[in-house]
């Protein structure tokens, strides 16, 4: 491989995307398959094609990785559903007593609401014995109707 070196700015191509290139770094690499030149800071987008292939030159933008700390706006509640799959009723189990009792909504996969109720601690019985066989969703919502968790249920 050849050493990277600074390249002069190329002339902009004619056409609607005329712009100048402000390069901060560039170079040429040579290998057994051919030669490629590159630059960092290119503003023009174009595609060069030949019998041997094509090269797409794109807009290069700097990016910065940042660490972001997310604090939950509400306490996290741990739910479990027993049994799943089921052939009858379900038991919605809370692992710890909540400050506010959420509600549950049972919907089909098209989003049609079929059942709604208040969650109690530690267990809430959800009557699904009369439901047809299929897949259902149980969404747990806080008192402001914000989803906390969605669980998928299979009814045999």
Protein backbone atom coordinates (compact mmCIF):
# COMPACT_ATOMS: atom_id res chain seq x y z
CA UNK A 1 0.00 0.00 0.00
CA UNK A 2 1.19 3.50 -0.79
CA UNK A 3 1.37 6.16 1.88
CA UNK A 4 -1.61 8.50 2.26
CA UNK A 5 -0.84 12.02 1.16
CA UNK A 6 -2.68 15.29 0.80
CA UNK A 7 -4.59 15.65 -2.46
CA UNK A 8 -5.55 18.83 -4.27
CA UNK A 9 -9.27 19.61 -4.31
CA UNK A 10 -10.92 18.26 -7.48
CA UNK A 11 -12.88 20.55 -9.73
CA UNK A 12 -16.63 20.27 -9.29
CA UNK A 13 -18.50 18.35 -11.96
CA UNK A 14 -20.82 20.20 -14.28
CA UNK A 15 -24.52 19.81 -13.62
CA UNK A 16 -27.03 20.62 -10.89
CA UNK A 17 -24.83 19.46 -8.00
CA UNK A 18 -22.03 21.97 -8.59
CA UNK A 19 -20.13 22.59 -5.39
CA UNK A 20 -16.59 22.81 -4.20
CA UNK A 21 -14.84 20.19 -2.19
CA UNK A 22 -13.14 21.18 1.06
CA UNK A 23 -10.79 18.33 1.76
CA UNK A 24 -9.07 17.95 5.10
CA UNK A 25 -7.32 14.67 4.29
CA UNK A 26 -6.85 12.41 1.30
CA UNK A 27 -4.71 9.73 -0.17
CA UNK A 28 -4.06 7.05 -2.73
CA UNK A 29 -3.97 3.32 -2.00
CA UNK A 30 -2.47 0.86 -4.49
CA UNK A 31 -3.08 -2.87 -4.34
CA UNK A 32 -3.09 -5.92 -6.57
CA UNK A 33 -6.66 -5.14 -7.69
CA UNK A 34 -6.04 -1.55 -8.67
CA UNK A 35 -5.70 1.95 -7.32
CA UNK A 36 -8.15 4.07 -5.35
CA UNK A 37 -7.86 7.68 -4.34
CA UNK A 38 -9.95 9.14 -1.56
CA UNK A 39 -10.61 12.35 0.30
CA UNK A 40 -12.25 13.30 3.57
CA UNK A 41 -14.56 16.29 3.49
CA UNK A 42 -16.02 15.74 0.03
CA UNK A 43 -19.32 17.57 -0.60
CA UNK A 44 -20.20 16.39 -4.12
CA UNK A 45 -22.15 13.17 -4.72
CA UNK A 46 -21.57 11.28 -7.94
CA UNK A 47 -21.28 7.75 -9.33
CA UNK A 48 -18.54 6.71 -11.73
CA UNK A 49 -19.11 3.59 -13.83
CA UNK A 50 -16.85 1.53 -16.07
CA UNK A 51 -16.78 -1.96 -17.53
CA UNK A 52 -15.01 -3.16 -14.38
CA UNK A 53 -17.62 -1.85 -11.91
CA UNK A 54 -18.87 1.34 -10.32
CA UNK A 55 -17.82 3.66 -7.52
CA UNK A 56 -20.33 5.74 -5.59
CA UNK A 57 -18.89 8.86 -4.00
CA UNK A 58 -21.12 10.16 -1.27
CA UNK A 59 -21.55 13.04 1.07
CA UNK A 60 -19.25 12.56 4.00
CA UNK A 61 -20.34 13.98 7.30
CA UNK A 62 -18.56 13.92 10.61
CA UNK A 63 -20.33 12.25 13.48
CA UNK A 64 -19.81 12.25 17.18
CA UNK A 65 -20.50 9.37 19.52
CA UNK A 66 -21.99 10.48 22.78
CA UNK A 67 -23.10 8.65 25.85
CA UNK A 68 -26.59 9.56 26.99
CA UNK A 69 -28.00 8.54 30.34
CA UNK A 70 -31.71 7.78 30.21
CA UNK A 71 -33.67 7.94 33.42
CA UNK A 72 -37.08 6.27 33.39
CA UNK A 73 -39.93 8.70 33.93
CA UNK A 74 -41.88 6.08 35.84
CA UNK A 75 -40.83 3.12 37.93
CA UNK A 76 -40.29 -0.03 35.90
CA UNK A 77 -42.75 -2.81 36.69
CA UNK A 78 -42.04 -6.45 35.99
CA UNK A 79 -44.99 -8.47 34.70
CA UNK A 80 -45.40 -12.08 33.76
CA UNK A 81 -48.28 -13.95 32.14
CA UNK A 82 -49.14 -17.52 33.12
CA UNK A 83 -49.70 -19.83 31.28
CA UNK A 84 -48.62 -18.81 27.80
CA UNK A 85 -49.77 -20.39 25.51
CA UNK A 86 -53.14 -20.86 27.19
CA UNK A 87 -56.36 -22.67 26.47
CA UNK A 88 -58.36 -20.71 29.03
CA UNK A 89 -57.84 -17.87 31.47
CA UNK A 90 -54.56 -16.09 32.17
CA UNK A 91 -52.88 -14.85 35.29
CA UNK A 92 -51.07 -11.50 35.05
CA UNK A 93 -48.50 -11.43 37.84
CA UNK A 94 -46.72 -8.34 39.20
CA UNK A 95 -43.34 -9.00 40.81
CA UNK A 96 -43.67 -6.04 43.20
CA UNK A 97 -46.41 -3.74 44.49
CA UNK A 98 -46.72 -0.61 42.31
CA UNK A 99 -47.29 2.96 43.50
CA UNK A 100 -50.09 3.34 40.95
CA UNK A 101 -52.04 0.40 39.59
CA UNK A 102 -51.86 0.20 35.80
CA UNK A 103 -54.58 -1.02 33.45
CA UNK A 104 -54.39 -3.80 30.88
CA UNK A 105 -55.92 -3.94 27.43
CA UNK A 106 -56.28 -7.12 25.38
CA UNK A 107 -56.28 -6.56 21.61
CA UNK A 108 -56.17 -8.72 18.52
CA UNK A 109 -53.30 -8.30 16.04
CA UNK A 110 -55.30 -5.70 14.07
CA UNK A 111 -55.46 -3.50 17.20
CA UNK A 112 -59.14 -4.07 18.00
CA UNK A 113 -59.62 -3.75 21.75
CA UNK A 114 -61.36 -6.83 23.16
CA UNK A 115 -60.98 -6.51 26.91
CA UNK A 116 -59.84 -3.94 29.46
CA UNK A 117 -59.31 -4.05 33.20
CA UNK A 118 -57.46 -2.77 36.24
CA UNK A 119 -54.30 -4.59 37.31
CA UNK A 120 -54.19 -5.69 40.93
CA UNK A 121 -51.30 -6.93 43.07
CA UNK A 122 -49.93 -9.58 43.00
CA UNK A 123 -52.19 -11.39 40.49
CA UNK A 124 -54.88 -10.33 38.02
CA UNK A 125 -57.07 -12.93 36.32
CA UNK A 126 -57.76 -12.25 32.65
CA UNK A 127 -60.69 -14.25 31.26
CA UNK A 128 -59.83 -15.49 27.76
CA UNK A 129 -61.70 -18.80 27.82
CA UNK A 130 -64.31 -17.50 25.33
CA UNK A 131 -61.77 -16.11 22.86
CA UNK A 132 -61.07 -17.84 19.54
CA UNK A 133 -57.71 -19.55 19.03
CA UNK A 134 -55.05 -17.12 17.85
CA UNK A 135 -52.48 -14.55 18.91
CA UNK A 136 -53.41 -11.61 21.13
CA UNK A 137 -51.56 -8.69 22.68
CA UNK A 138 -51.88 -7.54 26.27
CA UNK A 139 -50.72 -3.96 26.74
CA UNK A 140 -50.03 -2.70 30.24
CA UNK A 141 -50.57 1.08 30.56
CA UNK A 142 -49.95 3.51 33.38
CA UNK A 143 -52.67 5.81 34.71
CA UNK A 144 -51.85 8.39 31.99
CA UNK A 145 -52.49 5.74 29.25
CA UNK A 146 -48.77 5.49 28.41
CA UNK A 147 -47.70 1.95 27.44
CA UNK A 148 -45.41 0.27 29.97
CA UNK A 149 -45.14 -3.16 28.38
CA UNK A 150 -46.78 -5.25 25.67
CA UNK A 151 -46.99 -9.02 26.01
CA UNK A 152 -47.92 -11.48 23.26
CA UNK A 153 -50.36 -14.25 24.16
CA UNK A 154 -51.16 -17.39 22.21
CA UNK A 155 -54.65 -18.80 22.79
CA UNK A 156 -55.12 -22.46 21.82
